């Protein structure tokens, strides 16, 4: 199915270059970026380079100025931590084992004092790099439609909206490389920025915004990094069940900007069973939800347009409180759940939870002798167990309390 799509979209790119007025939808952007032809967009591969070319063409057609070090591109090289003999078609310097990643950077210059950075990473896991949760026998392309073709597509949609609007700030759009390998592209950018980082007003990051659920839960991280952010988010929220997190630190590119004292907002629609697996494809995305998220972010940017430079505020690093685990249940927690307990959003094969008969949607309310109040209490309780331990778990399954035995 996707080979045909590859041909269609390769033709589509050429037509875009000759027709800059063509309006491109979120659906079209995300479908191209998560096509098999890009082979999972692993950092340094030909597939990632093709994605970078596509994003650069989109920036150009939208009328964005180039703001990389070579046109729209800002390249950086690094030594991989994974096996250098892995058979992946990296862009490698002759004579060494370094990988070259490419940030794609476009700019709307409103001749303003300050600049808003809008970012999303576009790299993914190729055929299953380190971080893949796929346990199949064969190598399969990890297309990363939600992670993070979705974020890049919303970024491009915002670029189209902000052209000639909200001129109280300039806008720098960055599609980051190397996020999956450790926030490499964003970290490189803040240390080698093509604008004055002291003039950056705030940074908006979108990572996995393609699976808005039926209850419209949207997580926003970094709301404590400037005093006005919570008020602004709430003032424009008519569609979402917001889960707001204070911390500016998390496993995505906003962290790199928070670490240089820039206020951040990070948008996320939650984990799912296809995360870091070959099944994260575009046909599972909520395109209407993505458009609604784009509209919401645009309203936030509009509200902040005449507020001048936002003050930065440090936040408590919630990740420092996360306990270390010797064992795991083998579940994907529902990080968006704000009720009592820890709701299970997915079950891993041949792990303790599956063997105990736990199911997706179960809410863990007791583990061993301890009551599970929320995600943090669940993690603290889980950290007490070691391999070989056995204990009881009680879950709320559609209002019925079910007890099972867990063997770690």
Protein backbone atom coordinates (compact mmCIF):
# COMPACT_ATOMS: atom_id res chain seq x y z
CA UNK A 1 0.00 0.00 0.00
CA UNK A 2 2.71 2.45 0.99
CA UNK A 3 4.92 1.95 -2.07
CA UNK A 4 2.20 3.58 -4.13
CA UNK A 5 2.04 6.40 -1.60
CA UNK A 6 5.79 6.89 -1.95
CA UNK A 7 5.44 7.54 -5.67
CA UNK A 8 2.49 9.87 -5.18
CA UNK A 9 4.29 11.97 -2.61
CA UNK A 10 7.57 12.15 -4.49
CA UNK A 11 5.57 13.69 -7.34
CA UNK A 12 3.83 15.86 -4.75
CA UNK A 13 7.15 17.36 -3.56
CA UNK A 14 8.10 18.39 -7.07
CA UNK A 15 4.69 19.98 -7.62
CA UNK A 16 5.04 21.91 -4.35
CA UNK A 17 8.30 23.44 -5.56
CA UNK A 18 6.53 24.91 -8.55
CA UNK A 19 3.31 25.86 -6.77
CA UNK A 20 4.09 27.66 -3.52
CA UNK A 21 0.46 28.72 -3.11
CA UNK A 22 -0.73 25.12 -2.73
CA UNK A 23 -2.25 24.54 0.71
CA UNK A 24 -0.91 21.33 2.25
CA UNK A 25 -2.95 19.63 4.97
CA UNK A 26 -1.74 18.06 8.20
CA UNK A 27 -2.91 14.72 6.75
CA UNK A 28 -0.69 15.08 3.68
CA UNK A 29 2.38 16.09 5.67
CA UNK A 30 2.10 13.29 8.22
CA UNK A 31 1.34 10.68 5.55
CA UNK A 32 4.48 11.55 3.61
CA UNK A 33 6.73 11.73 6.65
CA UNK A 34 5.56 8.33 7.93
CA UNK A 35 5.72 6.57 4.57
CA UNK A 36 7.77 3.37 4.18
CA UNK A 37 9.92 5.14 1.57
CA UNK A 38 11.64 7.10 4.38
CA UNK A 39 12.54 3.86 6.16
CA UNK A 40 11.77 5.15 9.64
CA UNK A 41 13.81 8.39 9.45
CA UNK A 42 16.64 7.16 11.68
CA UNK A 43 19.20 9.88 12.37
CA UNK A 44 21.86 10.10 9.68
CA UNK A 45 20.14 7.82 7.17
CA UNK A 46 19.06 8.59 3.63
CA UNK A 47 15.46 8.36 4.86
CA UNK A 48 16.01 11.09 7.41
CA UNK A 49 17.75 13.23 4.79
CA UNK A 50 14.73 12.82 2.47
CA UNK A 51 12.49 13.95 5.33
CA UNK A 52 14.77 16.95 5.94
CA UNK A 53 14.57 17.89 2.25
CA UNK A 54 10.79 17.65 2.38
CA UNK A 55 10.55 19.89 5.47
CA UNK A 56 12.97 22.41 3.93
CA UNK A 57 10.83 22.50 0.77
CA UNK A 58 7.74 23.08 2.86
CA UNK A 59 9.47 25.93 4.73
CA UNK A 60 10.48 27.51 1.43
CA UNK A 61 7.01 27.19 -0.06
CA UNK A 62 5.51 28.76 3.07
CA UNK A 63 7.83 31.73 2.62
CA UNK A 64 10.04 31.10 5.66
CA UNK A 65 13.57 32.43 5.58
CA UNK A 66 16.36 29.87 5.89
CA UNK A 67 18.04 30.06 9.29
CA UNK A 68 20.36 27.11 9.37
CA UNK A 69 24.11 27.20 8.75
CA UNK A 70 23.68 25.90 5.20
CA UNK A 71 20.37 27.21 3.93
CA UNK A 72 17.66 25.61 6.03
CA UNK A 73 20.03 22.91 7.31
CA UNK A 74 22.14 22.83 10.45
CA UNK A 75 24.22 19.66 10.54
CA UNK A 76 26.03 18.15 13.50
CA UNK A 77 28.13 15.01 13.89
CA UNK A 78 28.46 12.61 16.81
CA UNK A 79 29.74 9.16 17.65
CA UNK A 80 26.92 6.63 18.05
CA UNK A 81 26.54 4.90 21.39
CA UNK A 82 24.99 1.88 19.69
CA UNK A 83 26.78 -0.76 17.61
CA UNK A 84 28.76 1.08 14.88
CA UNK A 85 28.64 -2.04 12.70
CA UNK A 86 24.84 -1.99 12.54
CA UNK A 87 23.78 -2.24 8.90
CA UNK A 88 22.09 1.13 8.51
CA UNK A 89 22.73 3.52 5.64
CA UNK A 90 24.08 6.38 7.75
CA UNK A 91 25.72 9.51 6.37
CA UNK A 92 29.18 8.73 7.78
CA UNK A 93 32.37 10.74 7.49
CA UNK A 94 35.06 8.85 5.61
CA UNK A 95 37.61 7.39 7.99
CA UNK A 96 35.54 7.50 11.18
CA UNK A 97 32.30 6.18 12.66
CA UNK A 98 30.52 9.46 13.27
CA UNK A 99 26.91 10.08 12.26
CA UNK A 100 25.65 13.33 10.79
CA UNK A 101 22.26 14.60 11.92
CA UNK A 102 20.44 17.54 10.34
CA UNK A 103 18.23 20.13 12.04
CA UNK A 104 15.92 22.00 9.65
CA UNK A 105 15.46 25.66 10.58
CA UNK A 106 13.07 28.26 9.12
CA UNK A 107 12.34 31.81 10.26
CA UNK A 108 9.52 34.35 10.11
CA UNK A 109 11.16 37.74 10.60
CA UNK A 110 8.74 40.33 11.93
CA UNK A 111 11.62 42.64 12.91
CA UNK A 112 10.59 42.15 16.52
CA UNK A 113 12.76 42.25 19.61
CA UNK A 114 12.05 38.66 20.65
CA UNK A 115 11.60 35.30 18.95
CA UNK A 116 9.31 32.37 19.74
CA UNK A 117 10.81 28.95 18.96
CA UNK A 118 8.41 26.26 17.73
CA UNK A 119 9.94 22.80 17.54
CA UNK A 120 9.30 19.11 16.90
CA UNK A 121 11.71 16.26 16.22
CA UNK A 122 11.39 14.42 12.92
CA UNK A 123 13.81 11.52 13.41
CA UNK A 124 12.65 8.05 14.47
CA UNK A 125 13.97 4.50 14.85
CA UNK A 126 14.54 3.29 11.28
CA UNK A 127 14.30 -0.49 11.18
CA UNK A 128 14.28 -0.74 14.97
CA UNK A 129 17.19 1.09 16.56
CA UNK A 130 17.91 1.13 20.27
CA UNK A 131 14.67 2.06 22.00
CA UNK A 132 12.47 -0.15 19.84
CA UNK A 133 9.87 -2.15 21.78
CA UNK A 134 9.23 -4.54 18.87
CA UNK A 135 10.03 -8.16 19.71
CA UNK A 136 9.41 -9.76 16.33
CA UNK A 137 11.89 -12.00 14.53
CA UNK A 138 12.29 -9.84 11.41
CA UNK A 139 13.45 -6.27 10.93
CA UNK A 140 10.53 -3.93 10.21
CA UNK A 141 10.29 -0.23 9.46
CA UNK A 142 9.29 1.91 12.43
CA UNK A 143 7.45 4.73 10.63
CA UNK A 144 6.79 6.85 13.71
CA UNK A 145 3.58 8.47 12.51
CA UNK A 146 2.67 9.67 15.99
CA UNK A 147 6.33 9.78 17.07
CA UNK A 148 6.88 12.30 15.64
CA UNK A 149 5.58 12.93 12.15
CA UNK A 150 2.52 14.23 14.00
CA UNK A 151 4.45 17.00 15.77
CA UNK A 152 6.24 18.11 12.59
CA UNK A 153 2.93 18.25 10.72
CA UNK A 154 1.39 20.47 13.39
CA UNK A 155 4.54 22.62 13.30
CA UNK A 156 4.11 23.12 9.55
CA UNK A 157 0.44 23.93 10.06
CA UNK A 158 1.36 26.57 12.64
CA UNK A 159 3.92 28.05 10.24
CA UNK A 160 1.16 28.52 7.66
CA UNK A 161 -1.06 30.20 10.29
CA UNK A 162 1.62 32.54 11.66
CA UNK A 163 2.74 33.94 8.33
CA UNK A 164 1.77 37.63 8.36
CA UNK A 165 0.03 37.32 11.76
CA UNK A 166 0.95 37.99 15.40
CA UNK A 167 3.87 40.28 14.66
CA UNK A 168 4.78 40.97 18.27
CA UNK A 169 7.43 38.23 17.97
CA UNK A 170 9.58 36.61 15.33
CA UNK A 171 9.10 32.85 14.87
CA UNK A 172 11.81 30.24 14.53
CA UNK A 173 10.63 26.80 13.39
CA UNK A 174 12.99 23.89 14.05
CA UNK A 175 12.56 20.26 13.03
CA UNK A 176 15.10 18.51 15.24
CA UNK A 177 17.23 15.50 14.38
CA UNK A 178 18.71 13.10 16.93
CA UNK A 179 15.94 13.32 19.53
CA UNK A 180 15.57 9.55 19.80
CA UNK A 181 19.31 9.22 20.46
CA UNK A 182 19.27 11.68 23.35
CA UNK A 183 17.92 15.15 22.40
CA UNK A 184 21.06 15.61 20.30
CA UNK A 185 19.72 18.07 17.72
CA UNK A 186 18.06 20.43 20.20
CA UNK A 187 21.06 20.29 22.51
CA UNK A 188 23.35 21.14 19.61
CA UNK A 189 21.11 23.99 18.51
CA UNK A 190 21.00 25.79 21.86
CA UNK A 191 24.81 25.61 22.03
CA UNK A 192 25.22 26.69 18.40
CA UNK A 193 22.11 28.78 17.88
CA UNK A 194 21.59 30.71 14.66
CA UNK A 195 19.82 33.45 16.62
CA UNK A 196 20.58 35.14 19.95
CA UNK A 197 19.14 32.77 22.58
CA UNK A 198 18.87 35.69 25.01
CA UNK A 199 16.18 37.04 22.66
CA UNK A 200 14.14 33.81 22.70
CA UNK A 201 10.82 34.58 24.36
CA UNK A 202 9.62 31.02 24.93
CA UNK A 203 9.72 27.62 23.24
CA UNK A 204 6.81 25.40 22.20
CA UNK A 205 7.49 21.70 21.58
CA UNK A 206 5.19 19.06 20.09
CA UNK A 207 6.08 15.40 20.44
CA UNK A 208 3.42 12.72 19.85
CA UNK A 209 0.32 14.85 19.34
CA UNK A 210 -1.39 12.52 16.87
CA UNK A 211 -3.55 10.31 19.10
CA UNK A 212 -6.00 12.55 20.90
CA UNK A 213 -8.30 10.11 22.70
CA UNK A 214 -12.08 10.12 22.95
CA UNK A 215 -11.94 11.97 26.28
CA UNK A 216 -9.79 14.71 24.60
CA UNK A 217 -7.06 14.51 27.23
CA UNK A 218 -4.08 16.70 26.34
CA UNK A 219 -0.95 16.86 28.49
CA UNK A 220 0.97 20.13 28.63
CA UNK A 221 4.36 20.14 30.34
CA UNK A 222 6.32 23.19 31.47
CA UNK A 223 3.35 25.24 32.68
CA UNK A 224 5.37 26.37 35.69
CA UNK A 225 8.26 27.78 33.65
CA UNK A 226 6.63 31.23 33.42
CA UNK A 227 3.93 32.66 35.72
CA UNK A 228 1.45 33.54 32.95
CA UNK A 229 1.35 30.16 31.18
CA UNK A 230 -1.29 28.37 33.28
CA UNK A 231 -3.68 31.28 33.02
CA UNK A 232 -3.21 31.49 29.26
CA UNK A 233 -3.73 27.75 28.73
CA UNK A 234 -6.93 27.73 30.78
CA UNK A 235 -8.31 30.90 29.18
CA UNK A 236 -8.34 29.31 25.71
CA UNK A 237 -9.28 25.76 26.59
CA UNK A 238 -12.71 24.84 25.26
CA UNK A 239 -11.93 21.40 23.84
CA UNK A 240 -9.54 19.52 26.08
CA UNK A 241 -9.26 17.76 29.39
CA UNK A 242 -5.92 19.33 30.27
CA UNK A 243 -3.31 17.50 32.32
CA UNK A 244 -0.85 20.23 33.31
CA UNK A 245 2.68 19.49 34.52
CA UNK A 246 4.85 22.17 36.10
CA UNK A 247 8.28 20.83 35.21
CA UNK A 248 10.24 22.09 32.23
CA UNK A 249 12.30 18.88 32.19
CA UNK A 250 11.16 15.79 30.29
CA UNK A 251 12.21 13.28 27.62
CA UNK A 252 11.82 15.63 24.65
CA UNK A 253 13.47 18.65 23.04
CA UNK A 254 11.89 21.35 25.22
CA UNK A 255 14.32 20.26 27.97
CA UNK A 256 17.29 21.62 26.01
CA UNK A 257 15.68 25.08 25.99
CA UNK A 258 14.54 24.96 29.61
CA UNK A 259 18.15 24.19 30.56
CA UNK A 260 19.23 27.58 29.15
CA UNK A 261 16.50 29.42 31.11
CA UNK A 262 13.85 29.70 28.40
CA UNK A 263 10.15 29.16 29.30
CA UNK A 264 8.74 26.07 27.58
CA UNK A 265 5.44 24.37 26.78
CA UNK A 266 5.43 20.77 25.61
CA UNK A 267 2.27 19.21 24.12
CA UNK A 268 1.60 15.45 24.21
CA UNK A 269 -1.48 13.25 23.64
CA UNK A 270 -0.18 10.21 25.52
CA UNK A 271 1.45 6.80 25.23
CA UNK A 272 -0.10 3.86 23.36
CA UNK A 273 0.57 0.25 22.48
CA UNK A 274 2.20 1.17 19.14
CA UNK A 275 4.86 3.39 20.74
CA UNK A 276 8.31 2.59 19.28
CA UNK A 277 6.88 -0.25 17.24
CA UNK A 278 6.36 -0.80 13.48
CA UNK A 279 2.61 -0.40 14.02
CA UNK A 280 2.84 3.37 14.68
CA UNK A 281 1.33 4.22 11.28
CA UNK A 282 -0.64 7.18 9.93
CA UNK A 283 -3.93 5.30 9.61
CA UNK A 284 -4.18 5.25 13.43
CA UNK A 285 -3.91 9.01 13.89
CA UNK A 286 -6.67 11.41 14.90
CA UNK A 287 -6.24 14.07 12.21
CA UNK A 288 -9.14 16.15 13.45
CA UNK A 289 -7.59 16.12 16.92
CA UNK A 290 -4.27 17.29 15.50
CA UNK A 291 -5.98 20.23 13.81
CA UNK A 292 -7.74 21.11 17.07
CA UNK A 293 -4.40 21.05 18.91
CA UNK A 294 -2.84 23.28 16.25
CA UNK A 295 -5.71 25.77 16.60
CA UNK A 296 -5.31 25.74 20.39
CA UNK A 297 -1.58 26.42 20.24
CA UNK A 298 -2.19 29.22 17.75
CA UNK A 299 -4.66 30.83 20.18
CA UNK A 300 -2.08 30.62 22.98
CA UNK A 301 0.58 32.23 20.77
CA UNK A 302 -1.90 34.94 19.77
CA UNK A 303 -2.73 35.71 23.41
CA UNK A 304 0.96 35.99 24.31
CA UNK A 305 1.76 38.17 21.29
CA UNK A 306 1.56 41.49 23.14
CA UNK A 307 2.90 40.32 26.52
CA UNK A 308 6.52 41.18 25.82
CA UNK A 309 9.26 38.82 26.97
CA UNK A 310 7.98 36.23 29.41
CA UNK A 311 9.83 35.89 32.71
CA UNK A 312 11.50 32.51 33.25
CA UNK A 313 10.91 30.48 36.39
CA UNK A 314 12.76 27.33 37.43
CA UNK A 315 10.62 24.32 38.28
CA UNK A 316 11.05 21.21 40.37
CA UNK A 317 12.58 18.42 38.31
CA UNK A 318 10.01 15.65 38.69
CA UNK A 319 12.28 13.14 36.93
CA UNK A 320 14.78 13.35 39.82
CA UNK A 321 12.11 11.89 42.10
CA UNK A 322 11.43 8.91 39.83
CA UNK A 323 12.48 5.69 41.62
CA UNK A 324 14.82 3.14 40.06
CA UNK A 325 13.26 -0.23 39.26
CA UNK A 326 14.68 -3.74 39.53
CA UNK A 327 11.49 -5.25 38.03
CA UNK A 328 8.50 -4.19 35.97
CA UNK A 329 4.90 -5.25 35.47
CA UNK A 330 5.23 -5.16 31.70
CA UNK A 331 2.55 -2.55 31.11
CA UNK A 332 2.23 0.80 29.36
CA UNK A 333 0.81 3.21 31.95
CA UNK A 334 -1.82 5.72 30.92
CA UNK A 335 0.08 8.91 31.78
CA UNK A 336 -3.00 10.99 31.04
CA UNK A 337 -5.15 9.27 33.69
CA UNK A 338 -5.94 11.62 36.58
CA UNK A 339 -8.18 9.36 38.66
CA UNK A 340 -7.24 7.20 41.67
CA UNK A 341 -4.71 4.49 40.86
CA UNK A 342 -2.63 3.70 37.76
CA UNK A 343 -4.57 2.85 34.59
CA UNK A 344 -3.03 0.35 32.18
CA UNK A 345 -2.92 1.54 28.57
CA UNK A 346 -1.19 -1.52 27.10
CA UNK A 347 0.14 -4.97 28.04
CA UNK A 348 3.50 -6.37 26.92
CA UNK A 349 3.74 -9.96 25.74
CA UNK A 350 5.05 -12.63 28.13
CA UNK A 351 5.50 -10.22 31.05
CA UNK A 352 4.18 -10.44 34.66
CA UNK A 353 1.00 -8.44 34.00
CA UNK A 354 -0.04 -10.57 31.04
CA UNK A 355 0.74 -13.79 32.90
CA UNK A 356 -1.41 -12.58 35.78
CA UNK A 357 -4.34 -11.89 33.45
CA UNK A 358 -4.30 -8.10 33.69
CA UNK A 359 -5.93 -6.24 30.79
CA UNK A 360 -5.77 -2.89 29.04
CA UNK A 361 -8.04 -0.49 30.90
CA UNK A 362 -7.49 -2.11 34.31
CA UNK A 363 -6.73 0.42 37.06
CA UNK A 364 -4.13 -0.80 39.57
CA UNK A 365 -5.38 0.29 42.99
CA UNK A 366 -3.25 -1.90 45.25
CA UNK A 367 0.14 -3.56 44.80
CA UNK A 368 1.31 -5.78 47.65
CA UNK A 369 0.23 -4.17 50.91
CA UNK A 370 0.29 -0.64 49.52
CA UNK A 371 -2.51 1.48 48.08
CA UNK A 372 -1.78 2.95 44.63
CA UNK A 373 -2.97 6.56 44.66
CA UNK A 374 -1.41 7.83 41.42
CA UNK A 375 1.47 7.25 39.01
CA UNK A 376 4.19 8.39 41.42
CA UNK A 377 2.94 6.20 44.26
CA UNK A 378 2.76 3.24 41.85
CA UNK A 379 6.40 3.76 40.85
CA UNK A 380 7.56 4.09 44.47
CA UNK A 381 5.77 0.87 45.38
CA UNK A 382 7.09 -1.00 42.34
CA UNK A 383 10.66 0.04 43.24
CA UNK A 384 10.40 -2.00 46.47
CA UNK A 385 10.25 -5.34 44.59
CA UNK A 386 13.07 -7.41 43.13
CA UNK A 387 13.28 -10.29 40.68
CA UNK A 388 11.80 -13.48 42.09
CA UNK A 389 9.32 -11.70 44.37
CA UNK A 390 5.63 -12.59 44.31
CA UNK A 391 2.80 -10.37 45.47
CA UNK A 392 -0.90 -9.63 45.07
CA UNK A 393 -2.30 -6.92 42.82
CA UNK A 394 -5.83 -5.55 42.91
CA UNK A 395 -7.24 -3.80 39.85
CA UNK A 396 -10.47 -1.95 39.22
CA UNK A 397 -11.92 -3.54 36.08
CA UNK A 398 -14.97 -1.57 35.00
CA UNK A 399 -16.02 -1.06 38.61
CA UNK A 400 -15.30 -4.63 39.76
CA UNK A 401 -12.29 -5.29 42.02
CA UNK A 402 -10.18 -8.14 40.62
CA UNK A 403 -7.29 -9.72 42.53
CA UNK A 404 -4.38 -11.51 40.85
CA UNK A 405 -0.94 -12.81 41.76
CA UNK A 406 2.11 -11.16 40.23
CA UNK A 407 5.41 -13.01 39.88
CA UNK A 408 8.35 -10.71 39.04
